[in-house]
């Protein structure tokens, strides 16, 4: 796995995109200390908080007890309580048994726990999985607010282009052949990175005029042809 030479700054969220099997989760696990690496180097000067892709929790307790164990008392009040716990609807889950949580509920609590830990770098693998559209929006906002308020940085892997668009400041783009090899380039500014990624998967997107949501263009449609002609695979305005 080869990484680019771009730098990550304080308060920055780096979206990590690319085909399956090209090393995205492996990179995150290496940074989290979950995997050994056989080349290059990784600095251990910063503390890391990690939310894995697959959430395996074998706890027979309430969500409240889980939060107390993982985050401590800070989840009960203050900015974190408002911007993360309440925003993700976790305040309504407190008496629920962890084993009874749905996939989306477990995902929301896991995101909150990751964001609740003191760290320099936050690593979230597929945080939008199992969340409905509204919950995805709230999760993206919670991640952004946490990084901005605390001047921390995050790497976020996700396959939802809309989620990445509203969340990320820049993109780390993986390329290669799934299961065989991969390399990462960047981080690039969001527009440049998204164009590079979408060109690689041969898709064009545009923002819907009314909702402002990105929409996939129908292959060989007028919009698709127009954007391809000028190399604008992701047409949007911030």
C-alpha atoms as a PDB file:
ATOM      1  CA  UNK A   1       0.000   0.000   0.000  1.00  0.00           C
ATOM      2  CA  UNK A   2       1.433   3.329  -1.046  1.00  0.00           C
ATOM      3  CA  UNK A   3       0.272   6.563   0.482  1.00  0.00           C
ATOM      4  CA  UNK A   4       0.558  10.078  -0.851  1.00  0.00           C
ATOM      5  CA  UNK A   5       2.539  12.897   0.677  1.00  0.00           C
ATOM      6  CA  UNK A   6      -0.356  15.207   1.502  1.00  0.00           C
ATOM      7  CA  UNK A   7      -0.646  16.539   5.036  1.00  0.00           C
ATOM      8  CA  UNK A   8      -3.585  16.343   7.426  1.00  0.00           C
ATOM      9  CA  UNK A   9      -4.366  19.470   9.429  1.00  0.00           C
ATOM     10  CA  UNK A  10      -6.136  20.250  12.671  1.00  0.00           C
ATOM     11  CA  UNK A  11      -9.934  20.297  12.473  1.00  0.00           C
ATOM     12  CA  UNK A  12      -9.739  18.436   9.143  1.00  0.00           C
ATOM     13  CA  UNK A  13     -11.869  15.451   8.160  1.00  0.00           C
ATOM     14  CA  UNK A  14     -10.279  13.295   5.483  1.00  0.00           C
ATOM     15  CA  UNK A  15     -12.678  11.073   3.561  1.00  0.00           C
ATOM     16  CA  UNK A  16     -11.193   7.758   2.455  1.00  0.00           C
ATOM     17  CA  UNK A  17     -12.682   6.348  -0.762  1.00  0.00           C
ATOM     18  CA  UNK A  18     -11.898   3.704  -3.336  1.00  0.00           C
ATOM     19  CA  UNK A  19     -12.771   0.197  -4.540  1.00  0.00           C
ATOM     20  CA  UNK A  20     -13.241  -2.649  -2.072  1.00  0.00           C
ATOM     21  CA  UNK A  21     -10.166  -4.660  -1.233  1.00  0.00           C
ATOM     22  CA  UNK A  22      -7.598  -1.989  -2.050  1.00  0.00           C
ATOM     23  CA  UNK A  23      -6.445  -1.348   1.517  1.00  0.00           C
ATOM     24  CA  UNK A  24      -8.675   1.317   3.073  1.00  0.00           C
ATOM     25  CA  UNK A  25      -9.601  -0.616   6.210  1.00  0.00           C
ATOM     26  CA  UNK A  26      -6.106  -2.094   6.421  1.00  0.00           C
ATOM     27  CA  UNK A  27      -4.617   1.407   6.513  1.00  0.00           C
ATOM     28  CA  UNK A  28      -7.018   2.472   9.263  1.00  0.00           C
ATOM     29  CA  UNK A  29      -6.243  -0.662  11.302  1.00  0.00           C
ATOM     30  CA  UNK A  30      -2.510   0.011  10.971  1.00  0.00           C
ATOM     31  CA  UNK A  31      -2.991   3.566  12.208  1.00  0.00           C
ATOM     32  CA  UNK A  32      -5.112   2.231  15.074  1.00  0.00           C
ATOM     33  CA  UNK A  33      -2.428  -0.280  16.033  1.00  0.00           C
ATOM     34  CA  UNK A  34      -4.662  -3.234  15.146  1.00  0.00           C
ATOM     35  CA  UNK A  35      -2.430  -4.505  12.318  1.00  0.00           C
ATOM     36  CA  UNK A  36       1.313  -4.849  11.939  1.00  0.00           C
ATOM     37  CA  UNK A  37       2.877  -3.343   8.827  1.00  0.00           C
ATOM     38  CA  UNK A  38       5.764  -4.719   6.811  1.00  0.00           C
ATOM     39  CA  UNK A  39       7.133  -1.545   5.258  1.00  0.00           C
ATOM     40  CA  UNK A  40       7.342   2.216   5.669  1.00  0.00           C
ATOM     41  CA  UNK A  41       6.729   3.851   9.025  1.00  0.00           C
ATOM     42  CA  UNK A  42       3.888   5.016  11.255  1.00  0.00           C
ATOM     43  CA  UNK A  43       4.385   7.690  13.889  1.00  0.00           C
ATOM     44  CA  UNK A  44       3.167   6.778  17.352  1.00  0.00           C
ATOM     45  CA  UNK A  45       3.324  10.341  18.650  1.00  0.00           C
ATOM     46  CA  UNK A  46      -0.445  10.847  18.646  1.00  0.00           C
ATOM     47  CA  UNK A  47      -3.299   9.157  20.468  1.00  0.00           C
ATOM     48  CA  UNK A  48      -5.983   7.435  18.403  1.00  0.00           C
ATOM     49  CA  UNK A  49      -9.684   6.644  18.817  1.00  0.00           C
ATOM     50  CA  UNK A  50     -10.955   3.921  16.461  1.00  0.00           C
ATOM     51  CA  UNK A  51     -14.417   2.755  15.391  1.00  0.00           C
ATOM     52  CA  UNK A  52     -14.083  -0.465  13.400  1.00  0.00           C
ATOM     53  CA  UNK A  53     -16.223  -1.435  10.442  1.00  0.00           C
ATOM     54  CA  UNK A  54     -17.699  -4.466  12.211  1.00  0.00           C
ATOM     55  CA  UNK A  55     -19.011  -3.764  15.692  1.00  0.00           C
ATOM     56  CA  UNK A  56     -18.852  -6.838  17.892  1.00  0.00           C
ATOM     57  CA  UNK A  57     -20.055  -6.047  21.397  1.00  0.00           C
ATOM     58  CA  UNK A  58     -20.589  -8.893  23.846  1.00  0.00           C
ATOM     59  CA  UNK A  59     -22.024  -6.923  26.745  1.00  0.00           C
ATOM     60  CA  UNK A  60     -25.137  -7.690  28.746  1.00  0.00           C
ATOM     61  CA  UNK A  61     -25.740  -4.208  30.103  1.00  0.00           C
ATOM     62  CA  UNK A  62     -27.581  -1.015  29.260  1.00  0.00           C
ATOM     63  CA  UNK A  63     -26.372   1.647  26.858  1.00  0.00           C
ATOM     64  CA  UNK A  64     -25.906   3.948  29.850  1.00  0.00           C
ATOM     65  CA  UNK A  65     -23.496   1.495  31.493  1.00  0.00           C
ATOM     66  CA  UNK A  66     -21.682   1.051  28.156  1.00  0.00           C
ATOM     67  CA  UNK A  67     -21.186   4.808  27.841  1.00  0.00           C
ATOM     68  CA  UNK A  68     -20.000   5.090  31.437  1.00  0.00           C
ATOM     69  CA  UNK A  69     -17.428   2.361  30.821  1.00  0.00           C
ATOM     70  CA  UNK A  70     -16.132   3.721  27.508  1.00  0.00           C
ATOM     71  CA  UNK A  71     -16.488   7.489  27.814  1.00  0.00           C
ATOM     72  CA  UNK A  72     -16.897   8.271  31.508  1.00  0.00           C
ATOM     73  CA  UNK A  73     -19.144  10.959  33.001  1.00  0.00           C
ATOM     74  CA  UNK A  74     -18.573  13.581  30.285  1.00  0.00           C
ATOM     75  CA  UNK A  75     -21.331  12.116  28.105  1.00  0.00           C
ATOM     76  CA  UNK A  76     -23.950  13.305  30.606  1.00  0.00           C
ATOM     77  CA  UNK A  77     -23.625  17.051  30.012  1.00  0.00           C
ATOM     78  CA  UNK A  78     -21.927  19.807  28.074  1.00  0.00           C
ATOM     79  CA  UNK A  79     -21.140  20.249  24.413  1.00  0.00           C
ATOM     80  CA  UNK A  80     -20.520  16.550  23.766  1.00  0.00           C
ATOM     81  CA  UNK A  81     -23.906  15.649  25.225  1.00  0.00           C
ATOM     82  CA  UNK A  82     -25.679  18.167  22.969  1.00  0.00           C
ATOM     83  CA  UNK A  83     -23.669  17.729  19.756  1.00  0.00           C
ATOM     84  CA  UNK A  84     -23.234  13.962  19.858  1.00  0.00           C
ATOM     85  CA  UNK A  85     -25.394  12.122  22.410  1.00  0.00           C
ATOM     86  CA  UNK A  86     -28.623  14.021  21.777  1.00  0.00           C
ATOM     87  CA  UNK A  87     -27.947  14.658  18.099  1.00  0.00           C
ATOM     88  CA  UNK A  88     -27.599  10.923  17.459  1.00  0.00           C
ATOM     89  CA  UNK A  89     -30.662  10.089  19.585  1.00  0.00           C
ATOM     90  CA  UNK A  90     -28.622   8.123  22.094  1.00  0.00           C
ATOM     91  CA  UNK A  91     -30.301   9.825  25.048  1.00  0.00           C
ATOM     92  CA  UNK A  92     -33.402   7.814  24.124  1.00  0.00           C
ATOM     93  CA  UNK A  93     -31.453   4.551  24.100  1.00  0.00           C
ATOM     94  CA  UNK A  94     -29.901   4.802  27.578  1.00  0.00           C
ATOM     95  CA  UNK A  95     -32.078   2.167  29.322  1.00  0.00           C
ATOM     96  CA  UNK A  96     -31.952  -0.256  26.392  1.00  0.00           C
ATOM     97  CA  UNK A  97     -29.864  -3.435  26.651  1.00  0.00           C
ATOM     98  CA  UNK A  98     -26.859  -3.429  24.339  1.00  0.00           C
ATOM     99  CA  UNK A  99     -27.737  -6.875  23.011  1.00  0.00           C
ATOM    100  CA  UNK A 100     -31.179  -5.583  21.987  1.00  0.00           C
ATOM    101  CA  UNK A 101     -29.881  -2.690  19.887  1.00  0.00           C
ATOM    102  CA  UNK A 102     -30.612  -2.659  16.172  1.00  0.00           C
ATOM    103  CA  UNK A 103     -27.748  -2.335  13.713  1.00  0.00           C
ATOM    104  CA  UNK A 104     -28.349   1.392  13.316  1.00  0.00           C
ATOM    105  CA  UNK A 105     -28.615   1.984  17.063  1.00  0.00           C
ATOM    106  CA  UNK A 106     -25.400   0.079  17.717  1.00  0.00           C
ATOM    107  CA  UNK A 107     -23.682   2.082  14.994  1.00  0.00           C
ATOM    108  CA  UNK A 108     -24.826   5.390  16.517  1.00  0.00           C
ATOM    109  CA  UNK A 109     -23.591   4.463  19.995  1.00  0.00           C
ATOM    110  CA  UNK A 110     -20.276   3.242  18.574  1.00  0.00           C
ATOM    111  CA  UNK A 111     -19.770   6.554  16.750  1.00  0.00           C
ATOM    112  CA  UNK A 112     -20.543   8.443  19.957  1.00  0.00           C
ATOM    113  CA  UNK A 113     -18.075   6.337  21.932  1.00  0.00           C
ATOM    114  CA  UNK A 114     -15.353   6.903  19.348  1.00  0.00           C
ATOM    115  CA  UNK A 115     -15.954  10.673  19.391  1.00  0.00           C
ATOM    116  CA  UNK A 116     -16.178  10.715  23.187  1.00  0.00           C
ATOM    117  CA  UNK A 117     -12.665   9.446  23.787  1.00  0.00           C
ATOM    118  CA  UNK A 118      -9.791  11.893  24.183  1.00  0.00           C
ATOM    119  CA  UNK A 119      -7.555  11.510  21.125  1.00  0.00           C
ATOM    120  CA  UNK A 120      -5.559  13.424  18.554  1.00  0.00           C
ATOM    121  CA  UNK A 121      -6.769  11.356  15.591  1.00  0.00           C
ATOM    122  CA  UNK A 122     -10.182   9.754  15.084  1.00  0.00           C
ATOM    123  CA  UNK A 123     -10.575   6.783  12.750  1.00  0.00           C
ATOM    124  CA  UNK A 124     -14.081   5.745  11.665  1.00  0.00           C
ATOM    125  CA  UNK A 125     -14.652   2.843   9.300  1.00  0.00           C
ATOM    126  CA  UNK A 126     -18.058   2.863   7.541  1.00  0.00           C
ATOM    127  CA  UNK A 127     -19.918   5.021  10.103  1.00  0.00           C
ATOM    128  CA  UNK A 128     -22.954   5.452   7.826  1.00  0.00           C
ATOM    129  CA  UNK A 129     -23.655   1.701   7.628  1.00  0.00           C
ATOM    130  CA  UNK A 130     -27.129   0.693   8.949  1.00  0.00           C
ATOM    131  CA  UNK A 131     -28.136   4.351   9.474  1.00  0.00           C
ATOM    132  CA  UNK A 132     -31.161   5.867   7.751  1.00  0.00           C
ATOM    133  CA  UNK A 133     -30.837   9.095   5.740  1.00  0.00           C
ATOM    134  CA  UNK A 134     -31.564  11.421   8.663  1.00  0.00           C
ATOM    135  CA  UNK A 135     -29.248   9.550  11.027  1.00  0.00           C
ATOM    136  CA  UNK A 136     -26.464   9.696   8.441  1.00  0.00           C
ATOM    137  CA  UNK A 137     -26.809  13.468   8.250  1.00  0.00           C
ATOM    138  CA  UNK A 138     -26.671  13.781  12.038  1.00  0.00           C
ATOM    139  CA  UNK A 139     -23.667  11.462  12.255  1.00  0.00           C
ATOM    140  CA  UNK A 140     -21.789  13.511   9.656  1.00  0.00           C
ATOM    141  CA  UNK A 141     -22.567  16.719  11.551  1.00  0.00           C
ATOM    142  CA  UNK A 142     -21.506  15.173  14.869  1.00  0.00           C
ATOM    143  CA  UNK A 143     -18.149  14.095  13.441  1.00  0.00           C
ATOM    144  CA  UNK A 144     -17.535  17.518  11.876  1.00  0.00           C
ATOM    145  CA  UNK A 145     -18.522  19.431  15.019  1.00  0.00           C
ATOM    146  CA  UNK A 146     -16.269  17.278  17.185  1.00  0.00           C
ATOM    147  CA  UNK A 147     -13.229  17.856  14.976  1.00  0.00           C
ATOM    148  CA  UNK A 148     -13.861  21.603  14.698  1.00  0.00           C
ATOM    149  CA  UNK A 149     -14.641  22.178  18.384  1.00  0.00           C
ATOM    150  CA  UNK A 150     -11.585  20.262  19.602  1.00  0.00           C
ATOM    151  CA  UNK A 151      -9.211  21.033  16.720  1.00  0.00           C
ATOM    152  CA  UNK A 152      -8.656  17.336  16.062  1.00  0.00           C
ATOM    153  CA  UNK A 153      -8.426  15.331  12.830  1.00  0.00           C
ATOM    154  CA  UNK A 154     -10.290  12.330  11.444  1.00  0.00           C
ATOM    155  CA  UNK A 155     -10.043   9.715   8.730  1.00  0.00           C
ATOM    156  CA  UNK A 156     -13.463   8.440   7.655  1.00  0.00           C
ATOM    157  CA  UNK A 157     -13.972   5.491   5.302  1.00  0.00           C
ATOM    158  CA  UNK A 158     -17.387   5.361   3.674  1.00  0.00           C
ATOM    159  CA  UNK A 159     -19.055   4.331   0.415  1.00  0.00           C
ATOM    160  CA  UNK A 160     -21.881   6.890   0.616  1.00  0.00           C
ATOM    161  CA  UNK A 161     -20.806   9.751  -1.663  1.00  0.00           C
ATOM    162  CA  UNK A 162     -23.367  12.145  -0.176  1.00  0.00           C
ATOM    163  CA  UNK A 163     -22.176  11.342   3.356  1.00  0.00           C
ATOM    164  CA  UNK A 164     -18.556  11.939   2.377  1.00  0.00           C
ATOM    165  CA  UNK A 165     -19.468  15.168   0.571  1.00  0.00           C
ATOM    166  CA  UNK A 166     -21.106  16.814   3.582  1.00  0.00           C
ATOM    167  CA  UNK A 167     -18.462  15.488   5.970  1.00  0.00           C
ATOM    168  CA  UNK A 168     -15.039  15.702   4.349  1.00  0.00           C
ATOM    169  CA  UNK A 169     -12.651  18.579   3.769  1.00  0.00           C
ATOM    170  CA  UNK A 170     -10.347  16.456   1.623  1.00  0.00           C
ATOM    171  CA  UNK A 171     -10.129  12.967   0.134  1.00  0.00           C
ATOM    172  CA  UNK A 172      -7.596  10.166   0.289  1.00  0.00           C
ATOM    173  CA  UNK A 173      -8.261   8.174  -2.893  1.00  0.00           C
ATOM    174  CA  UNK A 174      -7.406   4.480  -3.108  1.00  0.00           C
ATOM    175  CA  UNK A 175      -6.841   2.885  -6.495  1.00  0.00           C
ATOM    176  CA  UNK A 176      -5.882  -0.620  -7.550  1.00  0.00           C
ATOM    177  CA  UNK A 177      -7.340  -4.085  -7.986  1.00  0.00           C
ATOM    178  CA  UNK A 178      -9.432  -5.441  -5.139  1.00  0.00           C
ATOM    179  CA  UNK A 179      -7.761  -8.206  -3.170  1.00  0.00           C
ATOM    180  CA  UNK A 180      -4.471  -7.876  -5.059  1.00  0.00           C
ATOM    181  CA  UNK A 181      -2.970  -4.431  -4.639  1.00  0.00           C
ATOM    182  CA  UNK A 182      -3.835  -0.879  -3.749  1.00  0.00           C
ATOM    183  CA  UNK A 183      -2.285   2.519  -3.420  1.00  0.00           C
ATOM    184  CA  UNK A 184      -3.510   5.705  -1.822  1.00  0.00           C
ATOM    185  CA  UNK A 185      -2.984   9.163  -3.263  1.00  0.00           C
ATOM    186  CA  UNK A 186      -3.669  12.467  -1.546  1.00  0.00           C
ATOM    187  CA  UNK A 187      -5.229  13.896   0.460  1.00  0.00           C
ATOM    188  CA  UNK A 188      -6.690  16.032  -2.318  1.00  0.00           C
ATOM    189  CA  UNK A 189      -9.101  18.966  -1.975  1.00  0.00           C
ATOM    190  CA  UNK A 190     -12.638  17.564  -1.978  1.00  0.00           C
ATOM    191  CA  UNK A 191     -13.580  18.535  -5.542  1.00  0.00           C
ATOM    192  CA  UNK A 192     -10.315  17.233  -7.011  1.00  0.00           C
ATOM    193  CA  UNK A 193     -10.443  14.025  -5.007  1.00  0.00           C
ATOM    194  CA  UNK A 194     -14.076  13.329  -5.853  1.00  0.00           C
ATOM    195  CA  UNK A 195     -13.426  13.870  -9.558  1.00  0.00           C
ATOM    196  CA  UNK A 196     -10.501  11.462  -9.414  1.00  0.00           C
ATOM    197  CA  UNK A 197     -12.504   8.830  -7.546  1.00  0.00           C
ATOM    198  CA  UNK A 198     -15.629   9.060  -9.722  1.00  0.00           C
ATOM    199  CA  UNK A 199     -13.638   8.976 -12.931  1.00  0.00           C
ATOM    200  CA  UNK A 200     -12.051   5.762 -11.685  1.00  0.00           C
ATOM    201  CA  UNK A 201     -15.443   4.129 -11.131  1.00  0.00           C
ATOM    202  CA  UNK A 202     -16.798   5.672 -14.373  1.00  0.00           C
ATOM    203  CA  UNK A 203     -19.690   7.615 -12.810  1.00  0.00           C
ATOM    204  CA  UNK A 204     -20.745  11.270 -12.987  1.00  0.00           C
ATOM    205  CA  UNK A 205     -22.668  13.075 -10.268  1.00  0.00           C
ATOM    206  CA  UNK A 206     -24.352  16.439 -10.095  1.00  0.00           C
ATOM    207  CA  UNK A 207     -26.166  18.395  -7.420  1.00  0.00           C
ATOM    208  CA  UNK A 208     -29.934  18.423  -7.699  1.00  0.00           C
ATOM    209  CA  UNK A 209     -31.098  21.990  -8.362  1.00  0.00           C
ATOM    210  CA  UNK A 210     -33.741  21.973  -5.611  1.00  0.00           C
ATOM    211  CA  UNK A 211     -32.533  19.630  -2.874  1.00  0.00           C
ATOM    212  CA  UNK A 212     -28.812  20.271  -3.463  1.00  0.00           C
ATOM    213  CA  UNK A 213     -28.237  16.542  -3.000  1.00  0.00           C
ATOM    214  CA  UNK A 214     -25.784  14.879  -5.378  1.00  0.00           C
ATOM    215  CA  UNK A 215     -27.480  12.656  -7.933  1.00  0.00           C
ATOM    216  CA  UNK A 216     -25.981  10.041 -10.179  1.00  0.00           C
ATOM    217  CA  UNK A 217     -26.340  10.851 -13.858  1.00  0.00           C
ATOM    218  CA  UNK A 218     -27.885   8.248 -16.108  1.00  0.00           C
ATOM    219  CA  UNK A 219     -25.186   6.743 -18.313  1.00  0.00           C
ATOM    220  CA  UNK A 220     -24.893   8.559 -21.662  1.00  0.00           C
ATOM    221  CA  UNK A 221     -27.519  11.121 -20.687  1.00  0.00           C
ATOM    222  CA  UNK A 222     -27.050  14.745 -21.719  1.00  0.00           C
ATOM    223  CA  UNK A 223     -25.753  15.723 -18.277  1.00  0.00           C
ATOM    224  CA  UNK A 224     -23.445  12.712 -18.196  1.00  0.00           C
ATOM    225  CA  UNK A 225     -21.967  13.571 -21.591  1.00  0.00           C
ATOM    226  CA  UNK A 226     -21.600  17.263 -20.751  1.00  0.00           C
ATOM    227  CA  UNK A 227     -19.731  16.598 -17.527  1.00  0.00           C
ATOM    228  CA  UNK A 228     -17.471  13.978 -19.079  1.00  0.00           C
ATOM    229  CA  UNK A 229     -16.601  16.326 -21.918  1.00  0.00           C
ATOM    230  CA  UNK A 230     -15.128  18.874 -19.497  1.00  0.00           C
ATOM    231  CA  UNK A 231     -13.765  16.284 -17.036  1.00  0.00           C
ATOM    232  CA  UNK A 232     -16.206  17.372 -14.328  1.00  0.00           C
ATOM    233  CA  UNK A 233     -17.328  14.078 -12.815  1.00  0.00           C
ATOM    234  CA  UNK A 234     -18.625  15.761  -9.663  1.00  0.00           C
ATOM    235  CA  UNK A 235     -20.471  18.977 -10.469  1.00  0.00           C
ATOM    236  CA  UNK A 236     -21.294  20.970  -7.388  1.00  0.00           C
ATOM    237  CA  UNK A 237     -21.002  24.321  -5.638  1.00  0.00           C
ATOM    238  CA  UNK A 238     -20.368  24.972  -1.950  1.00  0.00           C
END
